[in-house]
Amino acid sequence: MKTSDADILIIPGWSGSGPDHWQSRWETRLTTARRVEQEDWYKPSRPVWAERIVQAVRASTRPVVLVAHSAGVSAVAHAAEQLKPGEVAGAFLVAPASERAKGAIPGMAQDFIPHRREILPFRSVLIASTDDPYCTPEEARELAQAWGAEFVDAGESGHINSESGHGPWPDGLLRFGGFLRSLTAVPQKPIQG
C-alpha cells in the first residue's frame, strides 16, 4: 500500500501535537493525511476522543491507517472496541502514555487508565523508547503484546516528540513507509450501508 492508497488519520495526544511535532509535519507532507480533531486537546476524554476516531474512520473513503502518538495511542485502543474488522487497515502507534510511568500526562489517569488490553482488530506496530518519561519500556512491551502489535524498540529517544529532537523524524517516516508496504494484502474499505 502507498500513502495515496490510504486515508491516513493523524491522532495526536495531549496538547494536539504542535507545528514542530512529526505528526503535524507528516500531516502537511502526506497528501491523504488528516488530523482527527478533538474538542479539547488539554482535557482528554475517553468517550469523546474514541468517538471522534470512530467517526473519522467511518467518514473515510479509502483503507484507513491510524498514526497515533502518546494519549492518542490510548484513544485508538479504546476506539478499537467500537470498530468492526476491516474498517481499519493498520495502526502506527508511537510512544504510548503509561499507567506506571515516572511522568504523568495531564488527564490520562482520570479517563484513559487502565488501558484497554485486548487484541486490536487490525495490524499494528508500537514504537517505544527506553527512556520515555511517560511510559516504561516494560509497559510498552506489555501493551504491544496485549494489543497483538509488533514492538519496535526506539532506543533512547525520549517521548519521540519535538522536545526530544524528533520534529521531522525521518527514521519514523521510513518505518511508516515500510509499515504501509506491509499492508498490501489488506482488502479495500467496505462501503457503509
Foldseek 3Di string as FASTA:
>chain_A
DFLVQEQEEEFEAAPQADCLWQSNVVQVVRPNYDYQDFPHSHADALVRLLVSVVVVLLVDQWAYEYEYAEVSLLSPQSNQVVDDQQSHAEYEYEQYFDPDFQDHRPNCVVHRPPGDQAAGSYEYEYEHECAARGYHPVVSVSSCVSHVYHYHYPYHQYRCTVVSVNRNVPVVVVVVRVVVVVSVVRDIRDRDD
